[in-house]
Amino acid sequence: MEILMEKVREISPKTLAVVGYEGDGRFLTRVIEYEEVDDYETTFSTQQVMDVTCKAFGISLKGLIEGSRMLSGITHKPPIAIDRISGMYFFPVESPLRKACTWIAHSHVLEIEKIEQHSTRVVFKNGRDLVLEVSYATMINQLYRTAQYRYLLSNKMEDILEASQHIAESKWHKKR
């Protein structure tokens, strides 16, 4: 597994999870990709990795969190949509303010399995899995909240696209 120390690499639609942990008195991140050979670790915190990726799409992590809270009413651990077109919806496992917060790509989750009281396995659609020290109830809640957020955001975008038919330059006209 590659270890990156000098720069933060953006995550992509192939990213399954961004896993934070503390080691040697600092926050580190393991990025789990669709193909295991593409996994890597970085000396940057998950907060930094997520923020760099969000900024590459034109908004900060803080801005996406605030927007999610406003649209969905979810005040704690809100999911975010880094890029709707490529399906980059992520939900935090714990407070996104924590530098070691783990983020899961909603689009890649196949199922959540309870292992023990505070241990859960996330099974991804490609067969890979990830065991996290978090309760099954918390994970299911985050999974469903992200689905609800996706629905709300999709409806909001449909309303915007419908209104855009009044704009001459719009490429998003619905054919009637």
C-alpha atoms as a PDB file:
ATOM      1  CA  MET A   1       0.000   0.000   0.000  1.00  0.00           C
ATOM      2  CA  GLU A   2       1.338   3.383  -1.025  1.00  0.00           C
ATOM      3  CA  ILE A   3       1.940   5.991   1.699  1.00  0.00           C
ATOM      4  CA  LEU A   4       1.577   9.622   0.637  1.00  0.00           C
ATOM      5  CA  MET A   5       3.257  12.263   2.756  1.00  0.00           C
ATOM      6  CA  GLU A   6       3.737  15.336   0.595  1.00  0.00           C
ATOM      7  CA  LYS A   7       0.333  16.007  -0.939  1.00  0.00           C
ATOM      8  CA  VAL A   8      -3.303  15.185  -0.522  1.00  0.00           C
ATOM      9  CA  ARG A   9      -4.716  13.103  -3.356  1.00  0.00           C
ATOM     10  CA  GLU A  10      -8.376  13.674  -4.175  1.00  0.00           C
ATOM     11  CA  ILE A  11     -10.788  10.835  -3.675  1.00  0.00           C
ATOM     12  CA  SER A  12     -12.851   9.719  -6.678  1.00  0.00           C
ATOM     13  CA  PRO A  13     -16.068   7.904  -7.632  1.00  0.00           C
ATOM     14  CA  LYS A  14     -14.051   4.687  -7.144  1.00  0.00           C
ATOM     15  CA  THR A  15     -13.406   5.471  -3.478  1.00  0.00           C
ATOM     16  CA  LEU A  16     -15.240   3.153  -1.079  1.00  0.00           C
ATOM     17  CA  ALA A  17     -14.209   4.738   2.222  1.00  0.00           C
ATOM     18  CA  VAL A  18     -11.908   7.307   3.783  1.00  0.00           C
ATOM     19  CA  VAL A  19     -10.821   5.849   7.113  1.00  0.00           C
ATOM     20  CA  GLY A  20      -9.276   8.033   9.776  1.00  0.00           C
ATOM     21  CA  TYR A  21      -7.130   6.888  12.660  1.00  0.00           C
ATOM     22  CA  GLU A  22      -4.602   8.262  15.095  1.00  0.00           C
ATOM     23  CA  GLY A  23      -1.043   6.987  15.106  1.00  0.00           C
ATOM     24  CA  ASP A  24       2.219   8.314  16.526  1.00  0.00           C
ATOM     25  CA  GLY A  25       0.363  11.307  17.955  1.00  0.00           C
ATOM     26  CA  ARG A  26      -0.996  12.463  14.598  1.00  0.00           C
ATOM     27  CA  PHE A  27      -4.034  11.850  12.443  1.00  0.00           C
ATOM     28  CA  LEU A  28      -3.613   9.566   9.441  1.00  0.00           C
ATOM     29  CA  THR A  29      -5.942   8.384   6.692  1.00  0.00           C
ATOM     30  CA  ARG A  30      -6.369   5.154   4.790  1.00  0.00           C
ATOM     31  CA  VAL A  31      -8.261   5.546   1.520  1.00  0.00           C
ATOM     32  CA  ILE A  32      -9.984   2.362   0.382  1.00  0.00           C
ATOM     33  CA  GLU A  33     -10.514   2.237  -3.361  1.00  0.00           C
ATOM     34  CA  TYR A  34     -12.575  -0.074  -5.575  1.00  0.00           C
ATOM     35  CA  GLU A  35      -9.478  -2.110  -6.421  1.00  0.00           C
ATOM     36  CA  GLU A  36      -7.351  -3.061  -3.413  1.00  0.00           C
ATOM     37  CA  VAL A  37      -4.125  -2.342  -5.317  1.00  0.00           C
ATOM     38  CA  ASP A  38      -5.215   1.313  -5.514  1.00  0.00           C
ATOM     39  CA  ASP A  39      -5.603   1.726  -1.725  1.00  0.00           C
ATOM     40  CA  TYR A  40      -3.257   4.211  -0.102  1.00  0.00           C
ATOM     41  CA  GLU A  41      -2.479   5.889   3.191  1.00  0.00           C
ATOM     42  CA  THR A  42      -1.649   9.513   3.782  1.00  0.00           C
ATOM     43  CA  THR A  43      -0.259  11.543   6.639  1.00  0.00           C
ATOM     44  CA  PHE A  44      -3.150  13.976   6.209  1.00  0.00           C
ATOM     45  CA  SER A  45      -6.320  13.740   8.313  1.00  0.00           C
ATOM     46  CA  THR A  46      -9.611  12.585   6.797  1.00  0.00           C
ATOM     47  CA  GLN A  47     -10.877  16.106   7.304  1.00  0.00           C
ATOM     48  CA  GLN A  48      -8.061  17.429   5.086  1.00  0.00           C
ATOM     49  CA  VAL A  49      -8.545  14.699   2.448  1.00  0.00           C
ATOM     50  CA  MET A  50     -12.293  15.356   2.269  1.00  0.00           C
ATOM     51  CA  ASP A  51     -11.831  19.144   2.196  1.00  0.00           C
ATOM     52  CA  VAL A  52      -9.314  19.016  -0.654  1.00  0.00           C
ATOM     53  CA  THR A  53     -11.672  16.817  -2.679  1.00  0.00           C
ATOM     54  CA  CYS A  54     -14.671  19.050  -1.982  1.00  0.00           C
ATOM     55  CA  LYS A  55     -12.694  22.144  -2.984  1.00  0.00           C
ATOM     56  CA  ALA A  56     -11.744  20.451  -6.275  1.00  0.00           C
ATOM     57  CA  PHE A  57     -15.493  20.397  -6.972  1.00  0.00           C
ATOM     58  CA  GLY A  58     -15.849  24.074  -6.063  1.00  0.00           C
ATOM     59  CA  ILE A  59     -16.933  24.054  -2.409  1.00  0.00           C
ATOM     60  CA  SER A  60     -15.405  23.342   0.983  1.00  0.00           C
ATOM     61  CA  LEU A  61     -16.273  20.424   3.230  1.00  0.00           C
ATOM     62  CA  LYS A  62     -17.724  22.926   5.689  1.00  0.00           C
ATOM     63  CA  GLY A  63     -19.918  24.404   2.937  1.00  0.00           C
ATOM     64  CA  LEU A  64     -21.242  20.980   1.915  1.00  0.00           C
ATOM     65  CA  ILE A  65     -21.994  20.090   5.531  1.00  0.00           C
ATOM     66  CA  GLU A  66     -23.835  23.384   6.071  1.00  0.00           C
ATOM     67  CA  GLY A  67     -25.802  22.935   2.830  1.00  0.00           C
ATOM     68  CA  SER A  68     -26.741  19.381   3.761  1.00  0.00           C
ATOM     69  CA  ARG A  69     -27.943  20.528   7.164  1.00  0.00           C
ATOM     70  CA  MET A  70     -30.021  23.281   5.605  1.00  0.00           C
ATOM     71  CA  LEU A  71     -31.668  21.074   2.961  1.00  0.00           C
ATOM     72  CA  SER A  72     -32.194  17.943   5.047  1.00  0.00           C
ATOM     73  CA  GLY A  73     -32.580  19.243   8.588  1.00  0.00           C
ATOM     74  CA  ILE A  74     -29.983  16.671   9.700  1.00  0.00           C
ATOM     75  CA  THR A  75     -27.966  18.471  12.340  1.00  0.00           C
ATOM     76  CA  HIS A  76     -25.584  15.725  13.500  1.00  0.00           C
ATOM     77  CA  LYS A  77     -23.341  13.762  11.130  1.00  0.00           C
ATOM     78  CA  PRO A  78     -24.998  15.027   7.933  1.00  0.00           C
ATOM     79  CA  PRO A  79     -24.188  13.257   4.649  1.00  0.00           C
ATOM     80  CA  ILE A  80     -22.655  15.228   1.791  1.00  0.00           C
ATOM     81  CA  ALA A  81     -22.849  15.198  -1.996  1.00  0.00           C
ATOM     82  CA  ILE A  82     -19.373  15.924  -3.319  1.00  0.00           C
ATOM     83  CA  ASP A  83     -20.539  15.336  -6.903  1.00  0.00           C
ATOM     84  CA  ARG A  84     -24.100  14.275  -7.755  1.00  0.00           C
ATOM     85  CA  ILE A  85     -23.319  13.401 -11.363  1.00  0.00           C
ATOM     86  CA  SER A  86     -20.701  10.772 -10.522  1.00  0.00           C
ATOM     87  CA  GLY A  87     -22.573   9.591  -7.412  1.00  0.00           C
ATOM     88  CA  MET A  88     -20.064  10.814  -4.840  1.00  0.00           C
ATOM     89  CA  TYR A  89     -22.325  10.812  -1.775  1.00  0.00           C
ATOM     90  CA  PHE A  90     -20.534  10.201   1.505  1.00  0.00           C
ATOM     91  CA  PHE A  91     -21.720   9.846   5.070  1.00  0.00           C
ATOM     92  CA  PRO A  92     -19.638  10.262   8.223  1.00  0.00           C
ATOM     93  CA  VAL A  93     -19.504   7.493  10.795  1.00  0.00           C
ATOM     94  CA  GLU A  94     -18.918   9.999  13.599  1.00  0.00           C
ATOM     95  CA  SER A  95     -18.762  13.771  13.907  1.00  0.00           C
ATOM     96  CA  PRO A  96     -17.230  15.203  10.716  1.00  0.00           C
ATOM     97  CA  LEU A  97     -15.473  17.751  12.934  1.00  0.00           C
ATOM     98  CA  ARG A  98     -13.190  14.981  14.221  1.00  0.00           C
ATOM     99  CA  LYS A  99      -9.948  14.789  12.285  1.00  0.00           C
ATOM    100  CA  ALA A 100     -10.108  10.974  12.305  1.00  0.00           C
ATOM    101  CA  CYS A 101     -13.750  10.783  11.161  1.00  0.00           C
ATOM    102  CA  THR A 102     -14.388   7.891   8.775  1.00  0.00           C
ATOM    103  CA  TRP A 103     -16.466   8.585   5.637  1.00  0.00           C
ATOM    104  CA  ILE A 104     -18.303   5.889   3.657  1.00  0.00           C
ATOM    105  CA  ALA A 105     -19.329   6.145  -0.017  1.00  0.00           C
ATOM    106  CA  HIS A 106     -23.087   5.545  -0.001  1.00  0.00           C
ATOM    107  CA  SER A 107     -23.212   4.400  -3.639  1.00  0.00           C
ATOM    108  CA  HIS A 108     -20.857   1.496  -2.973  1.00  0.00           C
ATOM    109  CA  VAL A 109     -22.563   0.021   0.120  1.00  0.00           C
ATOM    110  CA  LEU A 110     -24.243  -3.350  -0.402  1.00  0.00           C
ATOM    111  CA  GLU A 111     -25.126  -4.123   3.212  1.00  0.00           C
ATOM    112  CA  ILE A 112     -24.354  -3.441   6.839  1.00  0.00           C
ATOM    113  CA  GLU A 113     -23.838  -6.401   9.207  1.00  0.00           C
ATOM    114  CA  LYS A 114     -23.847  -6.377  12.995  1.00  0.00           C
ATOM    115  CA  ILE A 115     -20.801  -8.131  14.434  1.00  0.00           C
ATOM    116  CA  GLU A 116     -20.982  -7.164  18.118  1.00  0.00           C
ATOM    117  CA  GLN A 117     -22.620  -4.417  20.144  1.00  0.00           C
ATOM    118  CA  HIS A 118     -20.202  -1.739  18.934  1.00  0.00           C
ATOM    119  CA  SER A 119     -18.740  -3.400  15.882  1.00  0.00           C
ATOM    120  CA  THR A 120     -20.174  -3.373  12.374  1.00  0.00           C
ATOM    121  CA  ARG A 121     -19.104  -4.689   8.986  1.00  0.00           C
ATOM    122  CA  VAL A 122     -19.755  -2.629   5.864  1.00  0.00           C
ATOM    123  CA  VAL A 123     -19.930  -4.874   2.799  1.00  0.00           C
ATOM    124  CA  PHE A 124     -19.345  -3.074  -0.474  1.00  0.00           C
ATOM    125  CA  LYS A 125     -20.883  -4.022  -3.822  1.00  0.00           C
ATOM    126  CA  ASN A 126     -17.553  -5.278  -5.142  1.00  0.00           C
ATOM    127  CA  GLY A 127     -17.183  -7.770  -2.260  1.00  0.00           C
ATOM    128  CA  ARG A 128     -14.695  -5.798  -0.194  1.00  0.00           C
ATOM    129  CA  ASP A 129     -15.587  -5.102   3.408  1.00  0.00           C
ATOM    130  CA  LEU A 130     -14.617  -2.870   6.288  1.00  0.00           C
ATOM    131  CA  VAL A 131     -15.074  -3.491  10.015  1.00  0.00           C
ATOM    132  CA  LEU A 132     -15.715  -0.381  12.085  1.00  0.00           C
ATOM    133  CA  GLU A 133     -15.991   0.189  15.838  1.00  0.00           C
ATOM    134  CA  VAL A 134     -19.446   1.729  15.600  1.00  0.00           C
ATOM    135  CA  SER A 135     -22.876   0.381  16.440  1.00  0.00           C
ATOM    136  CA  TYR A 136     -25.080  -1.286  13.851  1.00  0.00           C
ATOM    137  CA  ALA A 137     -27.898   1.160  14.667  1.00  0.00           C
ATOM    138  CA  THR A 138     -25.652   4.161  13.970  1.00  0.00           C
ATOM    139  CA  MET A 139     -24.528   2.739  10.621  1.00  0.00           C
ATOM    140  CA  ILE A 140     -28.066   1.872   9.489  1.00  0.00           C
ATOM    141  CA  ASN A 141     -29.229   5.322  10.553  1.00  0.00           C
ATOM    142  CA  GLN A 142     -26.452   6.992   8.541  1.00  0.00           C
ATOM    143  CA  LEU A 143     -27.186   4.810   5.501  1.00  0.00           C
ATOM    144  CA  TYR A 144     -30.902   5.699   5.551  1.00  0.00           C
ATOM    145  CA  ARG A 145     -30.285   9.383   6.246  1.00  0.00           C
ATOM    146  CA  THR A 146     -28.015   9.520   3.216  1.00  0.00           C
ATOM    147  CA  ALA A 147     -30.707   7.914   1.049  1.00  0.00           C
ATOM    148  CA  GLN A 148     -33.192  10.521   2.295  1.00  0.00           C
ATOM    149  CA  TYR A 149     -30.710  13.322   1.587  1.00  0.00           C
ATOM    150  CA  ARG A 150     -30.156  12.002  -1.945  1.00  0.00           C
ATOM    151  CA  TYR A 151     -33.920  12.004  -2.494  1.00  0.00           C
ATOM    152  CA  LEU A 152     -34.306  15.574  -1.207  1.00  0.00           C
ATOM    153  CA  LEU A 153     -31.386  16.808  -3.284  1.00  0.00           C
ATOM    154  CA  SER A 154     -32.703  15.066  -6.398  1.00  0.00           C
ATOM    155  CA  ASN A 155     -36.108  16.720  -5.969  1.00  0.00           C
ATOM    156  CA  LYS A 156     -34.447  20.102  -5.448  1.00  0.00           C
ATOM    157  CA  MET A 157     -32.427  19.651  -8.646  1.00  0.00           C
ATOM    158  CA  GLU A 158     -35.543  18.632 -10.619  1.00  0.00           C
ATOM    159  CA  ASP A 159     -37.248  21.851  -9.524  1.00  0.00           C
ATOM    160  CA  ILE A 160     -34.205  23.881 -10.557  1.00  0.00           C
ATOM    161  CA  LEU A 161     -33.941  22.126 -13.943  1.00  0.00           C
ATOM    162  CA  GLU A 162     -37.630  22.664 -14.600  1.00  0.00           C
ATOM    163  CA  ALA A 163     -37.261  26.381 -13.867  1.00  0.00           C
ATOM    164  CA  SER A 164     -34.179  26.533 -16.110  1.00  0.00           C
ATOM    165  CA  GLN A 165     -36.276  26.022 -19.242  1.00  0.00           C
ATOM    166  CA  HIS A 166     -36.910  29.771 -19.050  1.00  0.00           C
ATOM    167  CA  ILE A 167     -33.230  30.486 -19.538  1.00  0.00           C
ATOM    168  CA  ALA A 168     -32.108  30.727 -23.167  1.00  0.00           C
ATOM    169  CA  GLU A 169     -28.620  29.262 -22.571  1.00  0.00           C
ATOM    170  CA  SER A 170     -29.755  26.270 -20.561  1.00  0.00           C
ATOM    171  CA  LYS A 171     -28.457  22.897 -21.771  1.00  0.00           C
ATOM    172  CA  TRP A 172     -30.789  21.134 -19.366  1.00  0.00           C
ATOM    173  CA  HIS A 173     -34.114  21.630 -21.169  1.00  0.00           C
ATOM    174  CA  LYS A 174     -36.504  18.757 -20.825  1.00  0.00           C
ATOM    175  CA  LYS A 175     -37.805  17.620 -24.189  1.00  0.00           C
ATOM    176  CA  ARG A 176     -41.577  17.686 -24.254  1.00  0.00           C
END
